[in-house]
């Protein structure tokens, strides 16, 4: 049984993700001076995008009036349309 417990805890460690607290996110936004980079970071964060999804975005994928982002190459094709929230900077 001890071996099974070790395997379970090892699997849990691999799948755990770290979350940033709000002050860390705000600090990242405040030190980013390049407007394009700041916009990409804010969109990635507010829509919950993966880095690969952000890298594949095109301007035509973003509908700022409806506050949506179309993900054409999402993981497994399961996330075609995402909503994002405005972030005050």
Protein backbone atom coordinates (compact mmCIF):
# COMPACT_ATOMS: atom_id res chain seq x y z
CA UNK A 1 0.00 0.00 0.00
CA UNK A 2 2.82 2.39 0.74
CA UNK A 3 3.94 2.29 -2.90
CA UNK A 4 0.44 3.24 -4.06
CA UNK A 5 0.38 6.22 -1.72
CA UNK A 6 3.72 7.43 -3.10
CA UNK A 7 2.43 7.18 -6.65
CA UNK A 8 -0.74 9.11 -5.81
CA UNK A 9 1.15 11.94 -4.15
CA UNK A 10 3.62 12.11 -7.04
CA UNK A 11 0.72 12.46 -9.49
CA UNK A 12 -0.84 15.18 -7.39
CA UNK A 13 2.40 17.16 -7.33
CA UNK A 14 2.70 17.06 -11.11
CA UNK A 15 -0.84 18.32 -11.72
CA UNK A 16 -0.85 21.09 -9.11
CA UNK A 17 -0.77 24.65 -10.43
CA UNK A 18 0.20 27.80 -8.66
CA UNK A 19 -2.18 30.74 -8.52
CA UNK A 20 -1.12 34.34 -8.38
CA UNK A 21 -2.68 36.64 -5.86
CA UNK A 22 -4.17 39.90 -7.09
CA UNK A 23 -1.26 42.06 -5.90
CA UNK A 24 1.19 39.91 -7.91
CA UNK A 25 -0.92 40.27 -11.04
CA UNK A 26 -1.24 44.03 -10.54
CA UNK A 27 2.53 44.28 -10.05
CA UNK A 28 3.15 42.44 -13.31
CA UNK A 29 0.81 44.77 -15.18
CA UNK A 30 2.29 47.89 -13.60
CA UNK A 31 5.91 47.07 -14.51
CA UNK A 32 5.06 46.17 -18.10
CA UNK A 33 5.68 49.38 -20.06
CA UNK A 34 5.22 48.15 -23.63
CA UNK A 35 1.51 48.67 -24.45
CA UNK A 36 1.33 45.67 -26.79
CA UNK A 37 2.85 43.37 -24.17
CA UNK A 38 0.58 44.74 -21.45
CA UNK A 39 -2.51 44.20 -23.63
CA UNK A 40 -1.45 40.61 -24.35
CA UNK A 41 -0.83 39.88 -20.68
CA UNK A 42 -4.14 41.40 -19.63
CA UNK A 43 -6.10 39.52 -22.28
CA UNK A 44 -4.35 36.25 -21.45
CA UNK A 45 -5.10 36.69 -17.76
CA UNK A 46 -8.67 37.97 -18.04
CA UNK A 47 -9.79 35.34 -20.57
CA UNK A 48 -7.85 32.51 -18.92
CA UNK A 49 -5.95 31.73 -22.10
CA UNK A 50 -3.07 29.30 -22.37
CA UNK A 51 0.23 30.72 -23.63
CA UNK A 52 -0.08 28.71 -26.85
CA UNK A 53 -3.59 30.11 -27.42
CA UNK A 54 -2.35 33.66 -26.93
CA UNK A 55 0.53 33.08 -29.34
CA UNK A 56 -1.90 31.94 -32.07
CA UNK A 57 -4.35 34.84 -31.66
CA UNK A 58 -5.07 37.16 -34.55
CA UNK A 59 -6.68 40.58 -34.26
CA UNK A 60 -9.79 39.23 -36.00
CA UNK A 61 -10.22 36.67 -33.16
CA UNK A 62 -11.00 39.45 -30.67
CA UNK A 63 -14.46 41.06 -30.50
CA UNK A 64 -14.00 43.93 -28.06
CA UNK A 65 -17.64 45.05 -28.30
CA UNK A 66 -18.95 41.65 -27.19
CA UNK A 67 -15.89 41.07 -24.97
CA UNK A 68 -15.18 37.67 -26.54
CA UNK A 69 -12.17 35.87 -27.97
CA UNK A 70 -12.47 33.10 -30.54
CA UNK A 71 -9.95 30.31 -30.01
CA UNK A 72 -9.51 28.45 -33.27
CA UNK A 73 -6.67 26.17 -32.15
CA UNK A 74 -7.72 25.45 -28.55
CA UNK A 75 -6.60 22.31 -26.76
CA UNK A 76 -8.82 19.52 -28.03
CA UNK A 77 -11.01 22.07 -29.80
CA UNK A 78 -13.09 22.48 -26.64
CA UNK A 79 -12.80 26.26 -26.14
CA UNK A 80 -14.05 27.99 -29.26
CA UNK A 81 -15.39 31.20 -27.67
CA UNK A 82 -14.24 32.77 -24.41
CA UNK A 83 -15.44 35.86 -22.57
CA UNK A 84 -12.97 38.22 -20.98
CA UNK A 85 -13.44 40.76 -18.22
CA UNK A 86 -12.15 44.32 -18.23
CA UNK A 87 -9.17 44.95 -15.97
CA UNK A 88 -8.40 48.40 -14.60
CA UNK A 89 -4.72 49.18 -14.89
